Amino acid sequence: MASARSPVLPHLDFRPQSAEGRAPGVTDQAAYNELVANYTTLKAKVNTMLAKNVDIIRHSPVVDLTRNYVGAAGLQAMTSLLAKNDNLQELRLPGSGLNNDAVVFFCRAMVKHPRLTSLDFSCNNISLAAGLALISLLQQNKNVVHIDMSETQVPGAVMKKIQLGLQRNKLLAARAAAASPDAADDTTSVTRSTEGGFCSTIRETVRKVEWERREEEALHRL
């Protein structure tokens, strides 16, 4: 899968911020105000670097917070913006100071996100509750095909269920790709060819039916 690119945000600091102002370089005032309002609701100080990068959080296909401390309040404050970011494909939060409550909150908000495919929650102090929330997310949002949960406290049995959910979603994605309009057009053009082409198409159809049968059996085993 080709990975969209986005700048890694610089290290973060924490200072009070007013919703009436605007961080330097911010162009989306509504997103900035929403982030500050979310922090106010959480009764937490605004993370000024998140505020300065609110445009990336709200609009970028990749939000990469690697090597930054975001914290539980930070993820919760960002979640409404991430949910509205229809471009979002990848969220990277390794070693970001997350907890179970923040991950559960995030997962509940992203069940209908149209493009989210990849999450990195590695190296965070998260465990059973976060793992169960991710399983639920995988069941409800078939777009998610990659989750990095290495170096967490999620139980092994839950990790296995997460891996099974990822495998299922990958199979569904492969099936959707095979059934795309382009694939259908290719099949139509072949059936209109010569007799030899017709025989070839029949053989291909048989192979496709067999492939789909095996794939269906694999899905039932998950």
Protein backbone atom coordinates (compact mmCIF):
# COMPACT_ATOMS: atom_id res chain seq x y z
CA MET A 1 0.00 0.00 0.00
CA ALA A 2 1.39 3.32 -1.04
CA SER A 3 1.83 5.54 1.94
CA ALA A 4 0.86 9.18 1.84
CA ARG A 5 3.45 11.52 3.31
CA SER A 6 3.09 14.11 6.02
CA PRO A 7 5.62 16.01 8.13
CA VAL A 8 6.45 14.67 11.57
CA LEU A 9 5.32 17.24 14.08
CA PRO A 10 8.08 18.76 16.23
CA HIS A 11 8.28 18.17 19.96
CA LEU A 12 5.36 19.42 21.97
CA ASP A 13 4.97 21.72 24.94
CA PHE A 14 2.00 22.73 27.04
CA ARG A 15 0.65 26.23 27.61
CA PRO A 16 -2.81 27.69 28.13
CA GLN A 17 -4.38 28.89 24.89
CA SER A 18 -7.39 31.08 24.24
CA ALA A 19 -10.06 30.19 21.68
CA GLU A 20 -10.20 33.88 20.77
CA GLY A 21 -6.67 33.86 19.32
CA ARG A 22 -4.97 31.84 16.67
CA ALA A 23 -1.66 29.97 16.73
CA PRO A 24 0.96 31.24 14.23
CA GLY A 25 0.54 29.71 10.78
CA VAL A 26 -2.94 28.28 11.38
CA THR A 27 -5.38 28.80 8.51
CA ASP A 28 -8.41 26.77 9.68
CA GLN A 29 -9.78 28.95 12.46
CA ALA A 30 -12.82 26.74 13.01
CA ALA A 31 -10.63 23.68 13.59
CA TYR A 32 -8.40 25.65 15.95
CA ASN A 33 -11.40 26.86 17.96
CA GLU A 34 -12.77 23.32 18.14
CA LEU A 35 -9.48 21.94 19.44
CA VAL A 36 -9.29 24.61 22.14
CA ALA A 37 -12.95 24.06 23.08
CA ASN A 38 -12.31 20.33 23.42
CA TYR A 39 -9.40 20.99 25.77
CA THR A 40 -11.63 23.32 27.78
CA THR A 41 -14.25 20.59 28.09
CA LEU A 42 -11.56 18.19 29.27
CA LYS A 43 -10.34 20.83 31.77
CA ALA A 44 -6.82 20.43 30.40
CA LYS A 45 -4.20 22.87 29.14
CA VAL A 46 -3.96 23.21 25.38
CA ASN A 47 -0.95 21.54 23.81
CA THR A 48 0.45 24.51 21.88
CA MET A 49 2.24 22.43 19.25
CA LEU A 50 -0.95 20.53 18.46
CA ALA A 51 -2.67 23.89 18.17
CA LYS A 52 -0.02 25.15 15.75
CA ASN A 53 -0.42 22.02 13.62
CA VAL A 54 -4.21 21.89 13.68
CA ASP A 55 -4.35 22.21 9.87
CA ILE A 56 -2.38 18.95 9.53
CA ILE A 57 -4.60 17.20 12.07
CA ARG A 58 -7.77 18.39 10.35
CA HIS A 59 -6.81 17.94 6.69
CA SER A 60 -3.72 15.76 6.12
CA PRO A 61 -3.93 12.13 4.90
CA VAL A 62 -1.17 11.22 7.36
CA VAL A 63 -1.01 12.59 10.91
CA ASP A 64 2.39 11.55 12.25
CA LEU A 65 3.08 12.43 15.90
CA THR A 66 6.09 10.15 16.24
CA ARG A 67 8.54 11.25 18.97
CA ASN A 68 5.96 13.58 20.51
CA TYR A 69 4.11 13.35 23.81
CA VAL A 70 0.42 13.83 23.05
CA GLY A 71 -1.15 12.31 26.15
CA ALA A 72 -4.65 11.00 26.74
CA ALA A 73 -6.17 14.49 26.74
CA GLY A 74 -4.39 15.31 23.49
CA LEU A 75 -5.85 12.34 21.62
CA GLN A 76 -9.32 13.02 23.01
CA ALA A 77 -9.09 16.69 22.06
CA MET A 78 -7.97 15.79 18.52
CA THR A 79 -10.49 13.04 17.93
CA SER A 80 -13.36 15.20 16.67
CA LEU A 81 -10.99 16.82 14.15
CA LEU A 82 -9.63 13.45 13.03
CA ALA A 83 -13.16 12.12 12.60
CA LYS A 84 -13.99 15.08 10.33
CA ASN A 85 -10.76 14.67 8.34
CA ASP A 86 -12.08 12.65 5.39
CA ASN A 87 -8.56 12.57 3.90
CA LEU A 88 -7.10 10.73 6.90
CA GLN A 89 -5.54 7.38 6.04
CA GLU A 90 -2.83 6.92 8.66
CA LEU A 91 -2.49 7.98 12.29
CA ARG A 92 0.86 7.41 13.99
CA LEU A 93 1.01 7.80 17.77
CA PRO A 94 3.84 5.55 18.99
CA GLY A 95 5.03 6.28 22.53
CA SER A 96 2.64 9.20 22.85
CA GLY A 97 1.48 8.75 26.45
CA LEU A 98 -1.92 7.30 25.55
CA ASN A 99 -4.17 5.39 27.94
CA ASN A 100 -7.10 3.02 27.54
CA ASP A 101 -9.80 5.68 27.89
CA ALA A 102 -8.30 7.81 25.10
CA VAL A 103 -8.04 4.88 22.69
CA VAL A 104 -11.60 3.72 23.46
CA PHE A 105 -12.86 7.28 22.88
CA PHE A 106 -11.01 7.46 19.56
CA CYS A 107 -12.22 4.07 18.33
CA ARG A 108 -15.86 4.91 19.01
CA ALA A 109 -15.55 8.08 16.95
CA MET A 110 -13.88 6.42 13.94
CA VAL A 111 -16.22 3.50 13.22
CA LYS A 112 -17.65 5.23 10.12
CA HIS A 113 -14.52 6.99 8.88
CA PRO A 114 -14.37 6.57 5.07
CA ARG A 115 -10.60 6.24 4.49
CA LEU A 116 -8.76 5.32 7.69
CA THR A 117 -6.55 2.29 6.97
CA SER A 118 -3.59 2.35 9.37
CA LEU A 119 -3.01 3.01 13.10
CA ASP A 120 0.18 2.96 15.16
CA PHE A 121 -0.46 2.83 18.90
CA SER A 122 2.77 1.01 19.73
CA CYS A 123 4.83 1.71 22.87
CA ASN A 124 1.86 3.09 24.82
CA ASN A 125 0.61 2.01 28.25
CA ILE A 126 -2.61 0.50 26.94
CA SER A 127 -4.11 -2.90 27.71
CA LEU A 128 -7.33 -4.92 27.59
CA ALA A 129 -9.90 -2.12 27.18
CA ALA A 130 -7.98 -0.53 24.30
CA GLY A 131 -7.55 -3.89 22.61
CA LEU A 132 -11.26 -4.67 22.82
CA ALA A 133 -12.09 -1.22 21.42
CA LEU A 134 -9.80 -1.87 18.45
CA ILE A 135 -11.48 -5.22 17.80
CA SER A 136 -14.83 -3.41 17.72
CA LEU A 137 -13.39 -0.80 15.34
CA LEU A 138 -12.15 -3.52 12.98
CA GLN A 139 -15.57 -5.16 12.98
CA GLN A 140 -17.38 -1.92 12.16
CA ASN A 141 -14.86 -0.20 9.87
CA LYS A 142 -13.64 -2.59 7.18
CA ASN A 143 -11.18 -0.03 5.80
CA VAL A 144 -8.72 -0.54 8.68
CA VAL A 145 -6.09 -3.09 7.57
CA HIS A 146 -3.04 -2.26 9.71
CA ILE A 147 -2.64 -1.69 13.47
CA ASP A 148 0.71 -1.64 15.28
CA MET A 149 0.23 -2.62 18.92
CA SER A 150 3.78 -3.75 19.66
CA GLU A 151 5.20 -3.01 23.12
CA THR A 152 1.81 -2.55 24.77
CA GLN A 153 0.09 -4.50 27.55
CA VAL A 154 -2.72 -5.83 25.37
CA PRO A 155 -3.25 -9.54 26.25
CA GLY A 156 -2.05 -12.11 23.74
CA ALA A 157 -5.53 -13.54 23.16
CA VAL A 158 -6.84 -10.07 22.29
CA MET A 159 -3.87 -9.45 19.99
CA LYS A 160 -4.74 -12.65 18.11
CA LYS A 161 -8.30 -11.43 17.61
CA ILE A 162 -6.97 -8.11 16.33
CA GLN A 163 -4.77 -9.95 13.83
CA LEU A 164 -7.73 -12.06 12.69
CA GLY A 165 -9.80 -8.90 12.22
CA LEU A 166 -7.03 -7.34 10.16
CA GLN A 167 -6.77 -10.45 7.99
CA ARG A 168 -10.52 -10.43 7.42
CA ASN A 169 -10.50 -6.78 6.39
CA LYS A 170 -7.58 -7.38 4.02
CA LEU A 171 -9.49 -10.24 2.37
CA LEU A 172 -12.55 -8.03 1.99
CA ALA A 173 -10.39 -5.29 0.46
CA ALA A 174 -8.92 -7.78 -2.02
CA ARG A 175 -12.39 -8.98 -2.97
CA ALA A 176 -13.59 -5.41 -3.47
CA ALA A 177 -10.60 -4.69 -5.69
CA ALA A 178 -11.30 -7.81 -7.78
CA ALA A 179 -14.92 -6.72 -8.22
CA SER A 180 -14.05 -3.15 -9.21
CA PRO A 181 -15.59 -1.64 -12.41
CA ASP A 182 -12.21 -1.89 -14.17
CA ALA A 183 -12.11 -5.63 -13.53
CA ALA A 184 -15.67 -5.98 -14.80
CA ASP A 185 -14.82 -4.02 -17.98
CA ASP A 186 -11.87 -6.30 -18.62
CA THR A 187 -14.08 -9.38 -18.32
CA THR A 188 -16.66 -7.92 -20.71
CA SER A 189 -14.05 -7.15 -23.37
CA VAL A 190 -12.72 -10.69 -23.22
CA THR A 191 -16.16 -12.30 -23.64
CA ARG A 192 -16.62 -10.34 -26.87
CA SER A 193 -13.42 -11.67 -28.41
CA THR A 194 -12.84 -14.74 -30.60
CA GLU A 195 -13.85 -18.31 -29.79
CA GLY A 196 -10.42 -18.96 -28.34
CA GLY A 197 -10.85 -15.90 -26.15
CA PHE A 198 -14.26 -17.18 -25.07
CA CYS A 199 -12.78 -20.48 -23.91
CA SER A 200 -10.11 -18.57 -22.04
CA THR A 201 -12.79 -16.50 -20.34
CA ILE A 202 -14.67 -19.64 -19.25
CA ARG A 203 -11.51 -21.01 -17.68
CA GLU A 204 -10.87 -17.68 -15.95
CA THR A 205 -14.44 -17.63 -14.63
CA VAL A 206 -14.05 -21.11 -13.19
CA ARG A 207 -10.81 -20.08 -11.50
CA LYS A 208 -12.46 -16.94 -10.12
CA VAL A 209 -15.40 -18.92 -8.69
CA GLU A 210 -12.99 -21.34 -7.04
CA TRP A 211 -10.93 -18.45 -5.64
CA GLU A 212 -14.04 -16.77 -4.23
CA ARG A 213 -15.18 -20.07 -2.67
CA ARG A 214 -11.84 -20.51 -0.93
CA GLU A 215 -11.86 -16.89 0.20
CA GLU A 216 -15.37 -17.30 1.62
CA GLU A 217 -14.22 -20.35 3.57
CA ALA A 218 -11.26 -18.37 4.90
CA LEU A 219 -13.57 -15.57 6.05
CA HIS A 220 -15.81 -18.06 7.89
CA ARG A 221 -12.80 -19.43 9.72
CA LEU A 222 -11.90 -15.96 11.11
